[in-house]
All heavy atoms as atom14 arrays in JSON, in Angstrom:
{
  "sequence": "GEARDIYVRLRHATAANFPVVLETAKLHTRHQQFEYLLLGI",
  "atom14_mask": [
    [1, 1, 1, 1, 0, 0, 0, 0, 0, 0, 0, 0, 0, 0],
    [1, 1, 1, 1, 1, 1, 1, 1, 1, 0, 0, 0, 0, 0],
    [1, 1, 1, 1, 1, 0, 0, 0, 0, 0, 0, 0, 0, 0],
    [1, 1, 1, 1, 1, 1, 1, 1, 1, 1, 1, 0, 0, 0],
    [1, 1, 1, 1, 1, 1, 1, 1, 0, 0, 0, 0, 0, 0],
    [1, 1, 1, 1, 1, 1, 1, 1, 0, 0, 0, 0, 0, 0],
    [1, 1, 1, 1, 1, 1, 1, 1, 1, 1, 1, 1, 0, 0],
    [1, 1, 1, 1, 1, 1, 1, 0, 0, 0, 0, 0, 0, 0],
    [1, 1, 1, 1, 1, 1, 1, 1, 1, 1, 1, 0, 0, 0],
    [1, 1, 1, 1, 1, 1, 1, 1, 0, 0, 0, 0, 0, 0],
    [1, 1, 1, 1, 1, 1, 1, 1, 1, 1, 1, 0, 0, 0],
    [1, 1, 1, 1, 1, 1, 1, 1, 1, 1, 0, 0, 0, 0],
    [1, 1, 1, 1, 1, 0, 0, 0, 0, 0, 0, 0, 0, 0],
    [1, 1, 1, 1, 1, 1, 1, 0, 0, 0, 0, 0, 0, 0],
    [1, 1, 1, 1, 1, 0, 0, 0, 0, 0, 0, 0, 0, 0],
    [1, 1, 1, 1, 1, 0, 0, 0, 0, 0, 0, 0, 0, 0],
    [1, 1, 1, 1, 1, 1, 1, 1, 0, 0, 0, 0, 0, 0],
    [1, 1, 1, 1, 1, 1, 1, 1, 1, 1, 1, 0, 0, 0],
    [1, 1, 1, 1, 1, 1, 1, 0, 0, 0, 0, 0, 0, 0],
    [1, 1, 1, 1, 1, 1, 1, 0, 0, 0, 0, 0, 0, 0],
    [1, 1, 1, 1, 1, 1, 1, 0, 0, 0, 0, 0, 0, 0],
    [1, 1, 1, 1, 1, 1, 1, 1, 0, 0, 0, 0, 0, 0],
    [1, 1, 1, 1, 1, 1, 1, 1, 1, 0, 0, 0, 0, 0],
    [1, 1, 1, 1, 1, 1, 1, 0, 0, 0, 0, 0, 0, 0],
    [1, 1, 1, 1, 1, 0, 0, 0, 0, 0, 0, 0, 0, 0],
    [1, 1, 1, 1, 1, 1, 1, 1, 1, 0, 0, 0, 0, 0],
    [1, 1, 1, 1, 1, 1, 1, 1, 0, 0, 0, 0, 0, 0],
    [1, 1, 1, 1, 1, 1, 1, 1, 1, 1, 0, 0, 0, 0],
    [1, 1, 1, 1, 1, 1, 1, 0, 0, 0, 0, 0, 0, 0],
    [1, 1, 1, 1, 1, 1, 1, 1, 1, 1, 1, 0, 0, 0],
    [1, 1, 1, 1, 1, 1, 1, 1, 1, 1, 0, 0, 0, 0],
    [1, 1, 1, 1, 1, 1, 1, 1, 1, 0, 0, 0, 0, 0],
    [1, 1, 1, 1, 1, 1, 1, 1, 1, 0, 0, 0, 0, 0],
    [1, 1, 1, 1, 1, 1, 1, 1, 1, 1, 1, 0, 0, 0],
    [1, 1, 1, 1, 1, 1, 1, 1, 1, 0, 0, 0, 0, 0],
    [1, 1, 1, 1, 1, 1, 1, 1, 1, 1, 1, 1, 0, 0],
    [1, 1, 1, 1, 1, 1, 1, 1, 0, 0, 0, 0, 0, 0],
    [1, 1, 1, 1, 1, 1, 1, 1, 0, 0, 0, 0, 0, 0],
    [1, 1, 1, 1, 1, 1, 1, 1, 0, 0, 0, 0, 0, 0],
    [1, 1, 1, 1, 0, 0, 0, 0, 0, 0, 0, 0, 0, 0],
    [1, 1, 1, 1, 1, 1, 1, 1, 0, 0, 0, 0, 0, 0]
  ],
  "atom14_positions": [
    [[61.59, 61.97, 63.21], [62.77, 61.13, 63.19], [63.72, 61.31, 64.36], [64.74, 60.64, 64.45], [0.0, 0.0, 0.0], [0.0, 0.0, 0.0], [0.0, 0.0, 0.0], [0.0, 0.0, 0.0], [0.0, 0.0, 0.0], [0.0, 0.0, 0.0], [0.0, 0.0, 0.0], [0.0, 0.0, 0.0], [0.0, 0.0, 0.0], [0.0, 0.0, 0.0]],
    [[63.4, 62.17, 65.28], [64.28, 62.49, 66.4], [63.83, 61.76, 67.67], [62.68, 61.86, 68.07], [64.22, 64.01, 66.61], [65.06, 64.53, 67.72], [64.88, 66.04, 67.89], [64.25, 66.68, 67.04], [65.38, 66.56, 68.89], [0.0, 0.0, 0.0], [0.0, 0.0, 0.0], [0.0, 0.0, 0.0], [0.0, 0.0, 0.0], [0.0, 0.0, 0.0]],
    [[64.75, 61.04, 68.31], [64.44, 60.38, 69.58], [64.58, 61.39, 70.71], [65.54, 62.16, 70.74], [65.36, 59.2, 69.8], [0.0, 0.0, 0.0], [0.0, 0.0, 0.0], [0.0, 0.0, 0.0], [0.0, 0.0, 0.0], [0.0, 0.0, 0.0], [0.0, 0.0, 0.0], [0.0, 0.0, 0.0], [0.0, 0.0, 0.0], [0.0, 0.0, 0.0]],
    [[63.62, 61.41, 71.61], [63.62, 62.35, 72.73], [63.37, 61.61, 74.04], [62.54, 60.71, 74.1], [62.5, 63.38, 72.57], [62.72, 64.44, 71.53], [63.7, 65.48, 72.06], [63.82, 66.62, 71.22], [63.34, 67.81, 71.47], [62.64, 68.02, 72.55], [63.54, 68.8, 70.65], [0.0, 0.0, 0.0], [0.0, 0.0, 0.0], [0.0, 0.0, 0.0]],
    [[64.07, 62.06, 75.08], [63.81, 61.54, 76.43], [62.77, 62.42, 77.09], [62.88, 63.65, 77.07], [65.1, 61.55, 77.26], [66.07, 60.48, 76.81], [65.65, 59.32, 76.7], [67.25, 60.82, 76.57], [0.0, 0.0, 0.0], [0.0, 0.0, 0.0], [0.0, 0.0, 0.0], [0.0, 0.0, 0.0], [0.0, 0.0, 0.0], [0.0, 0.0, 0.0]],
    [[61.79, 61.78, 77.68], [60.74, 62.47, 78.44], [60.8, 61.92, 79.86], [60.82, 60.7, 80.07], [59.33, 62.2, 77.85], [59.27, 62.52, 76.35], [58.26, 62.92, 78.65], [59.43, 63.96, 76.0], [0.0, 0.0, 0.0], [0.0, 0.0, 0.0], [0.0, 0.0, 0.0], [0.0, 0.0, 0.0], [0.0, 0.0, 0.0], [0.0, 0.0, 0.0]],
    [[60.86, 62.82, 80.83], [60.87, 62.42, 82.24], [59.61, 62.98, 82.89], [59.19, 64.1, 82.62], [62.1, 62.96, 82.96], [63.38, 62.31, 82.5], [64.13, 62.86, 81.48], [63.83, 61.14, 83.1], [65.31, 62.26, 81.05], [65.0, 60.53, 82.68], [65.73, 61.1, 81.65], [66.89, 60.5, 81.23], [0.0, 0.0, 0.0], [0.0, 0.0, 0.0]],
    [[59.03, 62.16, 83.78], [57.81, 62.54, 84.48], [58.04, 62.36, 85.97], [58.55, 61.33, 86.41], [56.62, 61.65, 84.04], [55.36, 62.02, 84.79], [56.42, 61.71, 82.53], [0.0, 0.0, 0.0], [0.0, 0.0, 0.0], [0.0, 0.0, 0.0], [0.0, 0.0, 0.0], [0.0, 0.0, 0.0], [0.0, 0.0, 0.0], [0.0, 0.0, 0.0]],
    [[57.66, 63.36, 86.74], [57.73, 63.29, 88.21], [56.31, 63.34, 88.75], [55.59, 64.31, 88.51], [58.55, 64.45, 88.78], [58.76, 64.36, 90.28], [59.66, 65.52, 90.75], [60.03, 65.37, 92.13], [59.35, 65.9, 93.15], [58.26, 66.61, 92.92], [59.76, 65.72, 94.39], [0.0, 0.0, 0.0], [0.0, 0.0, 0.0], [0.0, 0.0, 0.0]],
    [[55.93, 62.29, 89.48], [54.58, 62.18, 90.05], [54.63, 62.22, 91.56], [55.48, 61.57, 92.18], [53.93, 60.85, 89.64], [53.63, 60.66, 88.17], [53.48, 59.19, 87.86], [52.38, 61.4, 87.8], [0.0, 0.0, 0.0], [0.0, 0.0, 0.0], [0.0, 0.0, 0.0], [0.0, 0.0, 0.0], [0.0, 0.0, 0.0], [0.0, 0.0, 0.0]],
    [[53.7, 62.96, 92.14], [53.49, 62.98, 93.59], [52.02, 62.66, 93.8], [51.16, 63.25, 93.16], [53.79, 64.35, 94.18], [55.2, 64.88, 94.0], [56.2, 64.33, 95.0], [55.72, 64.25, 96.35], [55.87, 65.2, 97.27], [56.49, 66.32, 96.99], [55.41, 65.03, 98.48], [0.0, 0.0, 0.0], [0.0, 0.0, 0.0], [0.0, 0.0, 0.0]],
    [[51.74, 61.72, 94.71], [50.36, 61.34, 94.98], [50.28, 60.78, 96.39], [51.11, 59.95, 96.78], [49.91, 60.31, 93.95], [48.44, 60.12, 93.89], [47.57, 61.1, 93.48], [47.67, 59.04, 94.2], [46.33, 60.63, 93.53], [46.37, 59.39, 93.97], [0.0, 0.0, 0.0], [0.0, 0.0, 0.0], [0.0, 0.0, 0.0], [0.0, 0.0, 0.0]],
    [[49.29, 61.2, 97.15], [49.19, 60.85, 98.56], [48.74, 59.41, 98.81], [49.09, 58.82, 99.83], [48.25, 61.82, 99.28], [0.0, 0.0, 0.0], [0.0, 0.0, 0.0], [0.0, 0.0, 0.0], [0.0, 0.0, 0.0], [0.0, 0.0, 0.0], [0.0, 0.0, 0.0], [0.0, 0.0, 0.0], [0.0, 0.0, 0.0], [0.0, 0.0, 0.0]],
    [[47.95, 58.83, 97.91], [47.44, 57.49, 98.13], [48.07, 56.5, 97.16], [48.53, 56.88, 96.08], [45.91, 57.45, 97.97], [45.57, 57.9, 96.66], [45.22, 58.32, 99.0], [0.0, 0.0, 0.0], [0.0, 0.0, 0.0], [0.0, 0.0, 0.0], [0.0, 0.0, 0.0], [0.0, 0.0, 0.0], [0.0, 0.0, 0.0], [0.0, 0.0, 0.0]],
    [[48.07, 55.24, 97.52], [48.62, 54.19, 96.65], [47.8, 54.12, 95.37], [46.57, 54.18, 95.41], [48.59, 52.85, 97.38], [0.0, 0.0, 0.0], [0.0, 0.0, 0.0], [0.0, 0.0, 0.0], [0.0, 0.0, 0.0], [0.0, 0.0, 0.0], [0.0, 0.0, 0.0], [0.0, 0.0, 0.0], [0.0, 0.0, 0.0], [0.0, 0.0, 0.0]],
    [[48.48, 54.02, 94.24], [47.77, 54.0, 92.96], [48.62, 53.38, 91.87], [49.84, 53.32, 91.96], [47.38, 55.43, 92.55], [0.0, 0.0, 0.0], [0.0, 0.0, 0.0], [0.0, 0.0, 0.0], [0.0, 0.0, 0.0], [0.0, 0.0, 0.0], [0.0, 0.0, 0.0], [0.0, 0.0, 0.0], [0.0, 0.0, 0.0], [0.0, 0.0, 0.0]],
    [[47.93, 52.93, 90.84], [48.56, 52.53, 89.58], [48.36, 53.73, 88.67], [47.26, 54.22, 88.52], [47.87, 51.29, 89.02], [48.44, 50.87, 87.7], [48.57, 51.68, 86.78], [48.76, 49.6, 87.59], [0.0, 0.0, 0.0], [0.0, 0.0, 0.0], [0.0, 0.0, 0.0], [0.0, 0.0, 0.0], [0.0, 0.0, 0.0], [0.0, 0.0, 0.0]],
    [[49.42, 54.22, 88.07], [49.35, 55.43, 87.26], [49.31, 55.08, 85.78], [50.34, 54.73, 85.2], [50.54, 56.34, 87.57], [50.6, 56.76, 89.01], [51.45, 56.12, 89.9], [49.78, 57.76, 89.48], [51.5, 56.5, 91.23], [49.81, 58.14, 90.8], [50.67, 57.51, 91.69], [0.0, 0.0, 0.0], [0.0, 0.0, 0.0], [0.0, 0.0, 0.0]],
    [[48.13, 55.16, 85.15], [48.04, 54.87, 83.71], [48.71, 55.97, 82.9], [48.61, 57.15, 83.23], [46.54, 54.82, 83.45], [45.93, 55.65, 84.53], [46.84, 55.53, 85.72], [0.0, 0.0, 0.0], [0.0, 0.0, 0.0], [0.0, 0.0, 0.0], [0.0, 0.0, 0.0], [0.0, 0.0, 0.0], [0.0, 0.0, 0.0], [0.0, 0.0, 0.0]],
    [[49.41, 55.57, 81.84], [50.09, 56.5, 80.96], [49.66, 56.17, 79.53], [49.81, 55.04, 79.08], [51.63, 56.37, 81.08], [52.33, 57.36, 80.18], [52.07, 56.53, 82.53], [0.0, 0.0, 0.0], [0.0, 0.0, 0.0], [0.0, 0.0, 0.0], [0.0, 0.0, 0.0], [0.0, 0.0, 0.0], [0.0, 0.0, 0.0], [0.0, 0.0, 0.0]],
    [[49.12, 57.17, 78.84], [48.62, 56.97, 77.48], [49.3, 57.96, 76.54], [49.43, 59.14, 76.86], [47.08, 57.15, 77.42], [46.56, 57.05, 76.0], [46.4, 56.13, 78.32], [0.0, 0.0, 0.0], [0.0, 0.0, 0.0], [0.0, 0.0, 0.0], [0.0, 0.0, 0.0], [0.0, 0.0, 0.0], [0.0, 0.0, 0.0], [0.0, 0.0, 0.0]],
    [[49.7, 57.47, 75.38], [50.21, 58.31, 74.31], [49.18, 58.3, 73.2], [48.72, 57.21, 72.8], [51.54, 57.76, 73.78], [52.73, 57.86, 74.7], [53.83, 56.92, 74.26], [53.23, 59.29, 74.72], [0.0, 0.0, 0.0], [0.0, 0.0, 0.0], [0.0, 0.0, 0.0], [0.0, 0.0, 0.0], [0.0, 0.0, 0.0], [0.0, 0.0, 0.0]],
    [[48.79, 59.46, 72.71], [47.86, 59.5, 71.6], [48.12, 60.74, 70.75], [48.7, 61.71, 71.21], [46.41, 59.42, 72.05], [45.88, 60.54, 72.86], [44.43, 60.31, 73.32], [43.88, 59.22, 73.15], [43.87, 61.27, 73.85], [0.0, 0.0, 0.0], [0.0, 0.0, 0.0], [0.0, 0.0, 0.0], [0.0, 0.0, 0.0], [0.0, 0.0, 0.0]],
    [[47.67, 60.66, 69.51], [47.86, 61.81, 68.64], [47.01, 62.97, 69.15], [45.97, 62.76, 69.79], [47.46, 61.49, 67.18], [46.07, 61.17, 67.13], [48.3, 60.36, 66.6], [0.0, 0.0, 0.0], [0.0, 0.0, 0.0], [0.0, 0.0, 0.0], [0.0, 0.0, 0.0], [0.0, 0.0, 0.0], [0.0, 0.0, 0.0], [0.0, 0.0, 0.0]],
    [[47.45, 64.17, 68.89], [46.72, 65.36, 69.33], [45.32, 65.38, 68.72], [44.35, 65.79, 69.37], [47.49, 66.62, 68.97], [0.0, 0.0, 0.0], [0.0, 0.0, 0.0], [0.0, 0.0, 0.0], [0.0, 0.0, 0.0], [0.0, 0.0, 0.0], [0.0, 0.0, 0.0], [0.0, 0.0, 0.0], [0.0, 0.0, 0.0], [0.0, 0.0, 0.0]],
    [[45.21, 64.92, 67.49], [43.92, 64.88, 66.8], [42.95, 63.94, 67.52], [41.79, 64.3, 67.79], [44.14, 64.42, 65.36], [42.92, 64.42, 64.5], [43.31, 64.01, 63.08], [42.11, 63.95, 62.17], [42.49, 63.59, 60.8], [0.0, 0.0, 0.0], [0.0, 0.0, 0.0], [0.0, 0.0, 0.0], [0.0, 0.0, 0.0], [0.0, 0.0, 0.0]],
    [[43.4, 62.75, 67.87], [42.56, 61.79, 68.58], [42.23, 62.31, 69.98], [41.1, 62.17, 70.46], [43.23, 60.42, 68.66], [42.42, 59.33, 69.35], [41.13, 59.05, 68.58], [43.24, 58.07, 69.5], [0.0, 0.0, 0.0], [0.0, 0.0, 0.0], [0.0, 0.0, 0.0], [0.0, 0.0, 0.0], [0.0, 0.0, 0.0], [0.0, 0.0, 0.0]],
    [[43.2, 62.93, 70.64], [42.98, 63.49, 71.96], [41.85, 64.53, 71.94], [40.97, 64.53, 72.79], [44.27, 64.11, 72.5], [44.1, 64.79, 73.81], [43.97, 64.1, 74.99], [44.01, 66.1, 74.14], [43.81, 64.95, 75.98], [43.83, 66.18, 75.48], [0.0, 0.0, 0.0], [0.0, 0.0, 0.0], [0.0, 0.0, 0.0], [0.0, 0.0, 0.0]],
    [[41.89, 65.41, 70.94], [40.84, 66.43, 70.8], [39.49, 65.78, 70.59], [38.49, 66.18, 71.21], [41.17, 67.38, 69.63], [42.42, 68.02, 69.91], [40.1, 68.43, 69.43], [0.0, 0.0, 0.0], [0.0, 0.0, 0.0], [0.0, 0.0, 0.0], [0.0, 0.0, 0.0], [0.0, 0.0, 0.0], [0.0, 0.0, 0.0], [0.0, 0.0, 0.0]],
    [[39.43, 64.75, 69.75], [38.17, 64.04, 69.52], [37.65, 63.39, 70.81], [36.45, 63.47, 71.11], [38.36, 62.97, 68.44], [37.5, 63.24, 67.24], [37.55, 62.15, 66.22], [38.88, 62.12, 65.63], [39.42, 61.07, 65.07], [38.77, 59.94, 65.01], [40.62, 61.12, 64.56], [0.0, 0.0, 0.0], [0.0, 0.0, 0.0], [0.0, 0.0, 0.0]],
    [[38.54, 62.76, 71.56], [38.14, 62.13, 72.83], [37.61, 63.18, 73.81], [36.59, 62.95, 74.47], [39.32, 61.39, 73.46], [39.6, 60.07, 72.83], [40.75, 59.38, 73.07], [38.9, 59.3, 71.98], [40.75, 58.25, 72.4], [39.64, 58.19, 71.72], [0.0, 0.0, 0.0], [0.0, 0.0, 0.0], [0.0, 0.0, 0.0], [0.0, 0.0, 0.0]],
    [[38.29, 64.31, 73.9], [37.83, 65.38, 74.8], [36.45, 65.87, 74.41], [35.58, 66.06, 75.26], [38.8, 66.55, 74.78], [39.96, 66.42, 75.71], [40.71, 67.73, 75.81], [40.95, 68.4, 74.81], [41.1, 68.09, 77.01], [0.0, 0.0, 0.0], [0.0, 0.0, 0.0], [0.0, 0.0, 0.0], [0.0, 0.0, 0.0], [0.0, 0.0, 0.0]],
    [[36.23, 66.1, 73.12], [34.93, 66.58, 72.66], [33.83, 65.58, 73.0], [32.74, 65.95, 73.45], [34.97, 66.85, 71.16], [35.79, 68.06, 70.79], [35.99, 68.2, 69.29], [35.78, 67.27, 68.52], [36.42, 69.39, 68.87], [0.0, 0.0, 0.0], [0.0, 0.0, 0.0], [0.0, 0.0, 0.0], [0.0, 0.0, 0.0], [0.0, 0.0, 0.0]],
    [[34.1, 64.29, 72.8], [33.11, 63.26, 73.1], [32.82, 63.2, 74.6], [31.67, 63.1, 75.01], [33.6, 61.9, 72.58], [32.6, 60.81, 72.77], [31.42, 60.79, 72.04], [32.83, 59.78, 73.68], [30.49, 59.78, 72.21], [31.9, 58.78, 73.86], [30.73, 58.77, 73.13], [0.0, 0.0, 0.0], [0.0, 0.0, 0.0], [0.0, 0.0, 0.0]],
    [[33.88, 63.28, 75.43], [33.69, 63.26, 76.88], [32.84, 64.44, 77.35], [31.94, 64.28, 78.18], [35.04, 63.27, 77.6], [35.8, 61.97, 77.47], [37.23, 62.07, 77.99], [37.64, 63.16, 78.45], [37.93, 61.05, 77.92], [0.0, 0.0, 0.0], [0.0, 0.0, 0.0], [0.0, 0.0, 0.0], [0.0, 0.0, 0.0], [0.0, 0.0, 0.0]],
    [[33.12, 65.63, 76.81], [32.35, 66.8, 77.2], [30.91, 66.72, 76.69], [29.98, 67.2, 77.34], [33.04, 68.09, 76.76], [34.24, 68.41, 77.61], [35.5, 68.56, 77.05], [34.12, 68.55, 78.99], [36.61, 68.85, 77.85], [35.22, 68.83, 79.79], [36.45, 68.98, 79.21], [37.54, 69.25, 80.01], [0.0, 0.0, 0.0], [0.0, 0.0, 0.0]],
    [[30.71, 66.12, 75.54], [29.34, 65.9, 75.04], [28.57, 65.0, 76.0], [27.42, 65.3, 76.36], [29.38, 65.28, 73.64], [28.02, 64.87, 73.07], [27.16, 66.1, 72.81], [28.21, 64.06, 71.79], [0.0, 0.0, 0.0], [0.0, 0.0, 0.0], [0.0, 0.0, 0.0], [0.0, 0.0, 0.0], [0.0, 0.0, 0.0], [0.0, 0.0, 0.0]],
    [[29.2, 63.91, 76.43], [28.54, 63.0, 77.38], [28.26, 63.7, 78.71], [27.18, 63.5, 79.29], [29.38, 61.75, 77.59], [29.48, 60.8, 76.4], [30.37, 59.61, 76.75], [28.11, 60.32, 75.97], [0.0, 0.0, 0.0], [0.0, 0.0, 0.0], [0.0, 0.0, 0.0], [0.0, 0.0, 0.0], [0.0, 0.0, 0.0], [0.0, 0.0, 0.0]],
    [[29.21, 64.5, 79.19], [28.97, 65.25, 80.42], [27.81, 66.23, 80.25], [26.98, 66.39, 81.15], [30.23, 66.0, 80.85], [31.32, 65.18, 81.51], [32.58, 66.02, 81.68], [30.85, 64.66, 82.85], [0.0, 0.0, 0.0], [0.0, 0.0, 0.0], [0.0, 0.0, 0.0], [0.0, 0.0, 0.0], [0.0, 0.0, 0.0], [0.0, 0.0, 0.0]],
    [[27.75, 66.89, 79.1], [26.65, 67.82, 78.82], [25.31, 67.12, 78.81], [24.31, 67.63, 79.35], [0.0, 0.0, 0.0], [0.0, 0.0, 0.0], [0.0, 0.0, 0.0], [0.0, 0.0, 0.0], [0.0, 0.0, 0.0], [0.0, 0.0, 0.0], [0.0, 0.0, 0.0], [0.0, 0.0, 0.0], [0.0, 0.0, 0.0], [0.0, 0.0, 0.0]],
    [[25.26, 65.94, 78.2], [24.02, 65.16, 78.16], [23.61, 64.76, 79.59], [22.45, 64.88, 79.97], [24.17, 63.93, 77.25], [24.26, 64.38, 75.79], [23.04, 62.94, 77.46], [24.67, 63.27, 74.83], [0.0, 0.0, 0.0], [0.0, 0.0, 0.0], [0.0, 0.0, 0.0], [0.0, 0.0, 0.0], [0.0, 0.0, 0.0], [0.0, 0.0, 0.0]]
  ]
}
């Protein structure tokens, strides 16, 4: 129930579009496990 300000400072040498994703920690863990499984395969 608490509103929070989040500030991000980015430095990058080349021109880019910076994607920003918010996800639950549970979904993030699942995505990481799947990505590492695919890399392992």
